[in-house]
Amino acid sequence: MKILLVSANRLSFPYPVYPLGIDHVAGILLRHDHEVQVLDLIGTRSNAGIASVIKSFGPDLVGLSLRNIDNTDITDTRWFIDEYREIMHEIRLATKAPVVLGGAGFTLFARELMDLLNADFGFYGEGEYMAELADRLQEGQDVSDVPGLLTRGTDAVLPAPWKGPFVRGIEQGVLPLDFYLRTGGMANIQTKRGCPFHCVYCTYPSIEGHRVRLFPPKDVARAARILQDKGAKFLFIADAVFNTHPEHNIRIAHAMRRAGVTLPWGAFFTPVPARDGYFQELAACGLTHVEFGTESLSDKTLRAYGKRFNTKQVFEAHTQALGAGLNVAHYFMLGGPGETLDTLHETLRNVEKLERTVIFFFCGVRVYPGTGLYTRAVKEGLVDPTSSLLQPVFYRSPGMETVDIEAEVIRAAKGRTNWIVGGGEKRIARVMAMMYRKGRTGPLWEDLTR
């Protein structure tokens, strides 16, 4: 069967994100002996090329991956559903082949997007199950019990986590890398799936499940080396949280080094202290960038967010990472449950104590179905349980209703260039695009560190 996979994501802030999900789906489809082509729309502004790709390839099945519903920024909200409607329209004009929806954004709003985009099929959860759908369609078999599959007028439950194999299309040259090589040279790998934490706002458990599945280090290292050989200049490890299994991290790092991977790499960490030498050992194997999901520096707010760490531990982890010579960034989510003007000011005072770092502030928390934050928002009367959350809805703590959080942060920033607040996205994106054109690679936020 000929299968066209379309990545609809065009968002490239804070940097272009290589479509790792489609890469894995392409890999398993190829293993099932299907013919696969990938159309990545990042870097394009129009849908004019969709029809020509479909005409030349002649797919029997089209997969459309929806990574984002919006940009989750309360200060400059952009909704992508209208773009998806236009993409779907172009696909329907060009082919009568059935269309399958998938991706993280789709999983969060599966039934609504099935109806809104009038798709034939959709996958709730991990997309590798698409190989079973393709096999059955090719053989004319019943597809009703394919795990995670939605059809028109039916629902699905999140299937059992995919147990593998975890393979990638990039290993067989399916995914184009040209755009990513021109704009920072960044590519993604995963070392595991699933997240064991229970942060009240987070969607990862809905997308990947709570049970963590560790990838074999040699497989991760092989994928990293292939990306390096294809010209990647930086690797970002796209785990929900990298350091949930520290010793697995060490095995991954050493496996990459043994495979000859010399690229710098980064990952998203929870800010908890590590054993002595942990960050140094990772740094010796290529780690250069640590991004901490800190969210608040008030213990009261951290507890309300469902975090398993406190402010003291954040500072300890920060000091450890700096001590290993690493570039460090922190992400903050202000105005969420438990936030008051006092806790906000406590966070801002503590942020001033963080040395040699970049701070990304998000003011207001996007509410998603299936999260603890959604349950709380319904109880507090902030969300109508009968209404859709497809249009962005942001939680603001009842104690912060009259507070302009962004203005409070800007006032505290006092012109600091390493504090990126709300509307700073467009300015930073323009600067980064210019630096990429000049040949710079990687995340680049380290240039703002002070």
Protein backbone atom coordinates (compact mmCIF):
# COMPACT_ATOMS: atom_id res chain seq x y z
CA MET A 1 0.00 0.00 0.00
CA LYS A 2 1.24 3.52 -0.84
CA ILE A 3 0.93 5.80 2.18
CA LEU A 4 1.52 9.55 2.29
CA LEU A 5 2.24 11.01 5.75
CA VAL A 6 1.68 14.75 6.08
CA SER A 7 3.12 16.78 8.98
CA ALA A 8 0.86 19.82 9.38
CA ASN A 9 3.05 21.64 11.91
CA ARG A 10 4.32 25.04 10.78
CA LEU A 11 5.18 26.42 14.23
CA SER A 12 8.93 26.98 14.54
CA PHE A 13 9.26 28.79 17.90
CA PRO A 14 11.33 28.46 20.00
CA TYR A 15 12.97 26.40 17.23
CA PRO A 16 11.82 24.12 14.41
CA VAL A 17 10.72 20.73 15.74
CA TYR A 18 11.56 17.73 13.58
CA PRO A 19 8.45 15.47 13.23
CA LEU A 20 9.59 12.60 15.41
CA GLY A 21 6.13 11.01 15.64
CA ILE A 22 5.79 10.72 11.86
CA ASP A 23 9.34 9.37 11.73
CA HIS A 24 8.35 6.49 14.03
CA VAL A 25 5.11 5.83 12.17
CA ALA A 26 6.97 5.79 8.85
CA GLY A 27 9.47 3.33 10.30
CA ILE A 28 6.88 0.79 11.36
CA LEU A 29 4.95 1.15 8.08
CA LEU A 30 8.13 0.44 6.13
CA ARG A 31 8.78 -2.60 8.29
CA HIS A 32 5.33 -3.84 7.23
CA ASP A 33 6.42 -3.46 3.58
CA HIS A 34 4.29 -0.44 2.75
CA GLU A 35 5.59 2.30 0.44
CA VAL A 36 5.85 5.56 2.36
CA GLN A 37 6.38 9.20 1.42
CA VAL A 38 6.49 12.11 3.87
CA LEU A 39 5.33 15.67 3.18
CA ASP A 40 6.53 18.07 5.89
CA LEU A 41 4.80 21.47 5.68
CA ILE A 42 7.13 23.30 8.07
CA GLY A 43 8.77 26.26 6.37
CA THR A 44 5.90 26.60 3.89
CA ARG A 45 3.18 29.23 3.93
CA SER A 46 0.74 27.84 1.42
CA ASN A 47 -0.81 24.48 0.61
CA ALA A 48 -0.13 24.80 -3.11
CA GLY A 49 2.30 21.87 -3.19
CA ILE A 50 0.00 19.31 -1.58
CA ALA A 51 -1.90 18.44 -4.77
CA SER A 52 1.24 17.96 -6.84
CA VAL A 53 2.76 15.60 -4.26
CA ILE A 54 -0.45 13.56 -4.13
CA LYS A 55 -0.71 13.48 -7.92
CA SER A 56 2.87 12.25 -8.39
CA PHE A 57 2.77 9.68 -5.56
CA GLY A 58 -0.81 8.43 -5.88
CA PRO A 59 -1.36 7.34 -2.24
CA ASP A 60 -3.85 4.67 -1.22
CA LEU A 61 -3.97 6.14 2.30
CA VAL A 62 -3.09 9.57 3.70
CA GLY A 63 -2.00 10.21 7.30
CA LEU A 64 -2.29 13.78 8.62
CA SER A 65 -0.39 14.52 11.83
CA LEU A 66 -1.70 17.34 14.04
CA ARG A 67 0.97 18.25 16.59
CA ASN A 68 -0.47 21.49 18.01
CA ILE A 69 -3.95 22.89 18.52
CA ASP A 70 -2.64 26.36 19.36
CA ASN A 71 0.60 27.96 20.55
CA THR A 72 -0.48 27.91 24.26
CA ASP A 73 0.42 31.61 24.67
CA ILE A 74 -2.28 33.66 26.39
CA THR A 75 -0.62 36.93 25.32
CA ASP A 76 -0.49 36.11 21.60
CA THR A 77 -2.78 33.14 21.00
CA ARG A 78 -2.75 31.50 17.58
CA TRP A 79 -5.27 28.78 16.73
CA PHE A 80 -4.24 26.29 14.06
CA ILE A 81 -7.52 24.50 13.34
CA ASP A 82 -8.39 26.76 10.41
CA GLU A 83 -5.05 25.84 8.83
CA TYR A 84 -5.84 22.17 9.29
CA ARG A 85 -9.23 22.64 7.61
CA GLU A 86 -7.48 24.16 4.59
CA ILE A 87 -4.93 21.34 4.44
CA MET A 88 -7.69 18.74 4.65
CA HIS A 89 -9.59 20.54 1.88
CA GLU A 90 -6.56 20.35 -0.42
CA ILE A 91 -6.09 16.65 0.34
CA ARG A 92 -9.74 15.88 -0.39
CA LEU A 93 -9.59 17.77 -3.71
CA ALA A 94 -6.52 15.83 -4.79
CA THR A 95 -7.41 12.24 -3.79
CA LYS A 96 -10.25 9.94 -2.85
CA ALA A 97 -7.92 7.94 -0.58
CA PRO A 98 -9.07 7.68 3.05
CA VAL A 99 -7.48 10.11 5.49
CA VAL A 100 -6.20 9.11 8.93
CA LEU A 101 -5.66 11.76 11.63
CA GLY A 102 -3.09 11.40 14.39
CA GLY A 103 -0.56 13.27 16.49
CA ALA A 104 -0.47 14.71 19.99
CA GLY A 105 -2.95 17.49 19.27
CA PHE A 106 -5.38 15.07 17.69
CA THR A 107 -5.28 12.69 20.68
CA LEU A 108 -6.33 15.50 23.03
CA PHE A 109 -9.41 16.38 20.96
CA ALA A 110 -9.91 13.23 18.94
CA ARG A 111 -13.70 13.11 18.53
CA GLU A 112 -14.04 16.84 17.91
CA LEU A 113 -11.33 16.86 15.25
CA MET A 114 -12.71 13.73 13.57
CA ASP A 115 -16.03 15.52 13.13
CA LEU A 116 -14.61 18.95 12.35
CA LEU A 117 -12.23 17.70 9.65
CA ASN A 118 -14.53 14.93 8.41
CA ALA A 119 -11.75 12.32 8.55
CA ASP A 120 -12.19 8.65 7.74
CA PHE A 121 -10.03 7.35 10.57
CA GLY A 122 -8.07 8.65 13.53
CA PHE A 123 -5.61 7.22 16.02
CA TYR A 124 -6.03 7.98 19.69
CA GLY A 125 -2.59 7.63 21.27
CA GLU A 126 0.52 6.22 19.66
CA GLY A 127 0.49 6.18 15.88
CA GLU A 128 2.40 2.95 15.32
CA TYR A 129 -0.91 1.10 15.33
CA MET A 130 -1.46 2.64 11.87
CA ALA A 131 0.57 -0.24 10.44
CA GLU A 132 -2.13 -2.68 11.53
CA LEU A 133 -4.80 -0.50 9.93
CA ALA A 134 -2.87 -0.37 6.65
CA ASP A 135 -2.33 -4.13 6.65
CA ARG A 136 -6.03 -4.81 7.15
CA LEU A 137 -7.18 -2.27 4.56
CA GLN A 138 -4.80 -3.78 2.05
CA GLU A 139 -6.21 -7.25 2.68
CA GLY A 140 -9.84 -6.05 2.79
CA GLN A 141 -10.23 -7.12 6.41
CA ASP A 142 -12.33 -5.68 9.23
CA VAL A 143 -10.60 -2.78 11.02
CA SER A 144 -13.07 -2.16 13.85
CA ASP A 145 -10.85 -3.63 16.58
CA VAL A 146 -7.55 -2.01 15.60
CA PRO A 147 -6.18 -0.55 18.89
CA GLY A 148 -6.85 3.16 19.33
CA LEU A 149 -8.69 3.50 16.01
CA LEU A 150 -11.58 5.94 15.65
CA THR A 151 -13.97 5.82 12.73
CA ARG A 152 -16.82 8.12 11.84
CA GLY A 153 -19.44 7.99 14.56
CA THR A 154 -17.44 5.76 16.91
CA ASP A 155 -15.18 6.45 19.87
CA ALA A 156 -12.04 4.73 21.09
CA VAL A 157 -10.26 4.31 24.38
CA LEU A 158 -6.55 4.83 24.84
CA PRO A 159 -5.02 1.49 23.86
CA ALA A 160 -2.35 -0.39 25.75
CA PRO A 161 1.01 1.32 25.32
CA TRP A 162 2.88 0.37 22.15
CA LYS A 163 5.43 -2.27 23.07
CA GLY A 164 7.56 -1.93 19.99
CA PRO A 165 9.51 -2.27 17.96
CA PHE A 166 10.43 1.41 17.98
CA VAL A 167 11.87 2.05 14.52
CA ARG A 168 12.41 5.20 12.48
CA GLY A 169 11.84 6.09 8.87
CA ILE A 170 14.93 8.30 8.86
CA GLU A 171 17.00 5.13 8.91
CA GLN A 172 15.66 4.33 5.44
CA GLY A 173 15.90 7.86 4.09
CA VAL A 174 12.17 8.63 4.12
CA LEU A 175 12.04 11.91 6.04
CA PRO A 176 13.48 15.08 4.50
CA LEU A 177 15.87 16.98 6.77
CA ASP A 178 16.72 19.92 4.50
CA PHE A 179 14.66 22.57 6.31
CA TYR A 180 15.99 21.60 9.73
CA LEU A 181 19.58 21.58 8.48
CA ARG A 182 19.10 25.13 7.14
CA THR A 183 17.47 26.44 10.32
CA GLY A 184 19.70 25.45 13.19
CA GLY A 185 20.48 21.86 12.23
CA MET A 186 18.39 20.41 15.07
CA ALA A 187 16.90 16.92 15.04
CA ASN A 188 15.08 14.91 17.71
CA ILE A 189 15.43 11.52 19.33
CA GLN A 190 13.55 9.79 22.14
CA THR A 191 15.05 7.56 24.81
CA LYS A 192 11.73 6.47 26.33
CA ARG A 193 8.00 7.05 26.29
CA GLY A 194 5.59 7.74 29.11
CA CYS A 195 5.73 10.00 32.15
CA PRO A 196 5.33 8.82 35.76
CA PHE A 197 4.51 12.28 37.13
CA HIS A 198 1.08 13.75 37.82
CA CYS A 199 1.44 17.48 37.12
CA VAL A 200 -2.07 18.90 37.10
CA TYR A 201 -1.83 20.68 33.74
CA CYS A 202 0.15 18.12 31.73
CA THR A 203 -1.13 16.14 28.74
CA TYR A 204 1.72 13.63 28.41
CA PRO A 205 -0.12 10.90 30.36
CA SER A 206 -3.03 11.23 27.91
CA ILE A 207 -0.68 10.98 24.94
CA GLU A 208 1.95 8.47 26.04
CA GLY A 209 0.59 7.03 29.29
CA HIS A 210 2.09 6.95 32.78
CA ARG A 211 4.02 3.72 32.28
CA VAL A 212 7.57 4.47 31.20
CA ARG A 213 9.04 2.32 28.42
CA LEU A 214 12.81 2.62 28.09
CA PHE A 215 14.35 2.38 24.63
CA PRO A 216 17.47 0.18 24.26
CA PRO A 217 20.53 2.47 24.42
CA LYS A 218 22.09 0.90 21.31
CA ASP A 219 18.94 1.71 19.28
CA VAL A 220 18.94 5.33 20.46
CA ALA A 221 22.64 5.64 19.69
CA ARG A 222 22.13 4.19 16.19
CA ALA A 223 19.39 6.72 15.43
CA ALA A 224 21.53 9.56 16.77
CA ARG A 225 24.46 8.51 14.61
CA ILE A 226 22.27 8.31 11.50
CA LEU A 227 21.02 11.86 12.13
CA GLN A 228 24.60 13.03 12.60
CA ASP A 229 25.69 11.36 9.36
CA LYS A 230 22.80 13.05 7.54
CA GLY A 231 24.04 16.46 8.64
CA ALA A 232 22.30 17.24 11.93
CA LYS A 233 24.25 19.69 14.11
CA PHE A 234 22.35 19.36 17.39
CA LEU A 235 20.14 16.69 18.98
CA PHE A 236 17.25 17.42 21.29
CA ILE A 237 15.98 14.48 23.34
CA ALA A 238 12.21 14.77 23.12
CA ASP A 239 11.28 12.70 26.20
CA ALA A 240 8.50 14.12 28.36
CA VAL A 241 11.14 14.41 31.10
CA PHE A 242 14.65 13.12 30.45
CA ASN A 243 15.87 12.47 33.98
CA THR A 244 13.08 10.27 35.34
CA HIS A 245 15.55 7.35 35.08
CA PRO A 246 19.04 8.80 35.70
CA GLU A 247 21.02 5.60 35.21
CA HIS A 248 19.26 4.97 31.91
CA ASN A 249 20.35 8.49 30.95
CA ILE A 250 23.95 7.55 31.65
CA ARG A 251 23.68 4.36 29.58
CA ILE A 252 22.19 6.31 26.69
CA ALA A 253 24.94 8.94 26.84
CA HIS A 254 27.73 6.36 26.84
CA ALA A 255 26.08 4.39 24.03
CA MET A 256 26.00 7.52 21.87
CA ARG A 257 29.62 8.24 22.58
CA ARG A 258 30.61 4.65 21.70
CA ALA A 259 28.65 4.99 18.44
CA GLY A 260 30.76 7.99 17.50
CA VAL A 261 28.11 10.63 18.13
CA THR A 262 29.96 13.90 18.63
CA LEU A 263 26.99 16.26 18.33
CA PRO A 264 26.04 18.54 21.21
CA TRP A 265 22.65 17.68 22.65
CA GLY A 266 20.06 18.87 25.11
CA ALA A 267 16.97 17.65 26.94
CA PHE A 268 14.10 18.66 29.20
CA PHE A 269 14.78 17.94 32.89
CA THR A 270 12.79 18.07 36.08
CA PRO A 271 14.77 20.29 38.51
CA VAL A 272 15.76 17.80 41.18
CA PRO A 273 19.26 17.27 42.58
CA ALA A 274 21.23 14.47 40.96
CA ARG A 275 23.86 12.13 42.35
CA ASP A 276 27.40 13.46 42.42
CA GLY A 277 28.97 13.50 38.98
CA TYR A 278 25.71 12.95 37.07
CA PHE A 279 25.76 16.16 35.04
CA GLN A 280 29.52 15.96 34.55
CA GLU A 281 29.21 12.46 33.11
CA LEU A 282 26.49 13.55 30.70
CA ALA A 283 28.48 16.63 29.73
CA ALA A 284 31.49 14.43 28.91
CA CYS A 285 29.22 12.55 26.48
CA GLY A 286 27.94 15.64 24.69
CA LEU A 287 25.19 17.20 26.84
CA THR A 288 25.37 20.99 26.49
CA HIS A 289 21.85 22.31 27.16
CA VAL A 290 19.62 21.69 30.17
CA GLU A 291 16.03 22.96 30.08
CA PHE A 292 14.34 22.77 33.48
CA GLY A 293 10.54 22.58 33.75
CA THR A 294 10.49 24.61 36.94
CA GLU A 295 7.11 26.41 36.60
CA SER A 296 7.27 28.26 39.95
CA LEU A 297 9.66 29.15 42.74
CA SER A 298 6.99 29.19 45.42
CA ASP A 299 6.55 25.93 47.31
CA LYS A 300 2.86 26.61 47.76
CA THR A 301 2.30 26.91 44.01
CA LEU A 302 4.53 23.93 43.24
CA ARG A 303 2.38 21.76 45.50
CA ALA A 304 -0.77 22.99 43.77
CA TYR A 305 0.79 22.15 40.38
CA GLY A 306 1.41 18.58 41.57
CA LYS A 307 5.20 18.91 41.51
CA ARG A 308 7.44 16.48 43.40
CA PHE A 309 10.18 19.03 44.08
CA ASN A 310 10.54 22.23 46.06
CA THR A 311 12.34 25.53 45.63
CA LYS A 312 15.44 24.40 47.51
CA GLN A 313 15.84 21.45 45.16
CA VAL A 314 15.50 23.67 42.12
CA PHE A 315 18.46 25.75 43.25
CA GLU A 316 20.49 22.63 44.00
CA ALA A 317 19.83 21.16 40.55
CA HIS A 318 20.58 24.52 38.93
CA THR A 319 23.92 24.77 40.73
CA GLN A 320 24.83 21.21 39.76
CA ALA A 321 24.13 21.84 36.07
CA LEU A 322 26.10 25.10 36.06
CA GLY A 323 28.94 23.33 37.88
CA ALA A 324 29.20 20.89 34.98
CA GLY A 325 29.62 23.78 32.55
CA LEU A 326 26.17 23.39 30.98
CA ASN A 327 23.88 25.99 29.45
CA VAL A 328 20.75 26.23 31.61
CA ALA A 329 17.23 27.52 30.96
CA HIS A 330 14.14 27.49 33.18
CA TYR A 331 10.49 27.51 32.09
CA PHE A 332 7.86 29.13 34.33
CA MET A 333 4.07 28.87 34.20
CA LEU A 334 2.53 31.72 36.17
CA GLY A 335 -1.03 32.27 37.35
CA GLY A 336 -1.99 28.61 37.67
CA PRO A 337 -3.79 26.89 40.56
CA GLY A 338 -2.72 28.12 43.97
CA GLU A 339 -1.11 31.27 42.58
CA THR A 340 -1.63 34.53 44.45
CA LEU A 341 0.02 37.90 44.15
CA ASP A 342 2.24 36.89 47.08
CA THR A 343 3.37 33.60 45.46
CA LEU A 344 3.95 35.38 42.15
CA HIS A 345 6.20 37.95 43.80
CA GLU A 346 7.95 35.16 45.72
CA THR A 347 8.71 33.42 42.43
CA LEU A 348 9.99 36.59 40.78
CA ARG A 349 12.26 37.37 43.74
CA ASN A 350 13.68 33.85 43.63
CA VAL A 351 14.17 33.96 39.87
CA GLU A 352 16.50 36.91 40.37
CA LYS A 353 18.76 34.58 42.37
CA LEU A 354 19.22 32.14 39.49
CA GLU A 355 22.63 32.80 37.99
CA ARG A 356 23.74 32.41 34.37
CA THR A 357 20.45 31.24 32.94
CA VAL A 358 17.66 32.08 30.52
CA ILE A 359 14.08 32.31 31.80
CA PHE A 360 10.98 31.66 29.71
CA PHE A 361 7.74 32.92 31.28
CA PHE A 362 4.25 31.80 30.31
CA CYS A 363 1.42 33.77 31.88
CA GLY A 364 -1.68 31.66 32.32
CA VAL A 365 -2.04 27.90 31.90
CA ARG A 366 -3.78 26.24 28.94
CA VAL A 367 -6.58 23.95 30.14
CA TYR A 368 -6.78 20.55 28.45
CA PRO A 369 -9.39 17.81 28.91
CA GLY A 370 -8.41 14.85 31.03
CA THR A 371 -6.09 16.81 33.31
CA GLY A 372 -6.35 17.61 36.99
CA LEU A 373 -6.45 21.28 36.05
CA TYR A 374 -9.58 20.68 33.99
CA THR A 375 -11.30 19.03 36.97
CA ARG A 376 -10.33 21.95 39.19
CA ALA A 377 -11.44 24.54 36.63
CA VAL A 378 -14.86 22.88 36.37
CA LYS A 379 -15.26 22.80 40.17
CA GLU A 380 -14.32 26.48 40.39
CA GLY A 381 -16.82 27.38 37.68
CA LEU A 382 -14.12 28.60 35.30
CA VAL A 383 -14.94 25.99 32.66
CA ASP A 384 -18.36 24.75 31.54
CA PRO A 385 -18.15 20.93 31.43
CA THR A 386 -20.48 20.88 28.41
CA SER A 387 -18.34 23.22 26.31
CA SER A 388 -15.39 22.38 24.07
CA LEU A 389 -11.82 23.31 24.96
CA LEU A 390 -10.71 23.17 21.33
CA GLN A 391 -10.76 26.95 21.30
CA PRO A 392 -7.98 27.87 23.79
CA VAL A 393 -9.09 28.30 27.40
CA PHE A 394 -6.57 29.51 29.96
CA TYR A 395 -6.74 29.00 33.70
CA ARG A 396 -6.15 32.02 35.87
CA SER A 397 -6.16 31.50 39.61
CA PRO A 398 -9.18 33.16 41.24
CA GLY A 399 -6.72 35.15 43.32
CA MET A 400 -5.14 36.62 40.18
CA GLU A 401 -8.21 37.68 38.19
CA THR A 402 -7.41 41.40 38.39
CA VAL A 403 -3.63 41.09 38.13
CA ASP A 404 -1.82 41.77 34.86
CA ILE A 405 0.74 38.98 35.29
CA GLU A 406 2.73 39.90 32.21
CA ALA A 407 3.09 43.49 33.42
CA GLU A 408 4.25 42.26 36.83
CA VAL A 409 6.93 40.10 35.19
CA ILE A 410 8.09 42.87 32.83
CA ARG A 411 8.33 45.25 35.78
CA ALA A 412 10.47 42.74 37.68
CA ALA A 413 12.61 42.01 34.63
CA LYS A 414 13.96 45.56 34.58
CA GLY A 415 15.16 45.19 31.01
CA ARG A 416 16.91 41.85 31.47
CA THR A 417 17.44 40.31 28.05
CA ASN A 418 17.52 36.80 29.53
CA TRP A 419 13.89 37.03 30.71
CA ILE A 420 11.61 36.09 27.80
CA VAL A 421 8.07 37.15 28.57
CA GLY A 422 4.90 36.48 26.59
CA GLY A 423 5.09 38.64 23.49
CA GLY A 424 8.86 38.21 23.27
CA GLU A 425 8.26 35.23 21.00
CA LYS A 426 8.10 37.20 17.75
CA ARG A 427 11.19 39.27 18.56
CA ILE A 428 13.26 36.23 19.52
CA ALA A 429 12.02 34.26 16.51
CA ARG A 430 13.20 37.01 14.14
CA VAL A 431 16.62 37.16 15.77
CA MET A 432 17.00 33.38 15.70
CA ALA A 433 16.02 33.20 12.03
CA MET A 434 18.68 35.77 11.21
CA MET A 435 21.32 33.87 13.20
CA TYR A 436 20.41 30.59 11.53
CA ARG A 437 20.82 32.23 8.13
CA LYS A 438 24.31 33.20 9.21
CA GLY A 439 25.14 29.57 9.93
CA ARG A 440 24.56 29.34 13.68
CA THR A 441 23.22 26.03 14.97
CA GLY A 442 21.42 24.67 18.03
CA PRO A 443 18.85 26.31 20.33
CA LEU A 444 20.75 29.66 20.56
CA TRP A 445 19.01 30.74 23.77
CA GLU A 446 22.36 30.35 25.51
CA ASP A 447 23.41 33.65 23.89
CA LEU A 448 20.95 35.40 26.20
CA THR A 449 22.42 33.89 29.38
CA ARG A 450 23.58 36.33 32.01
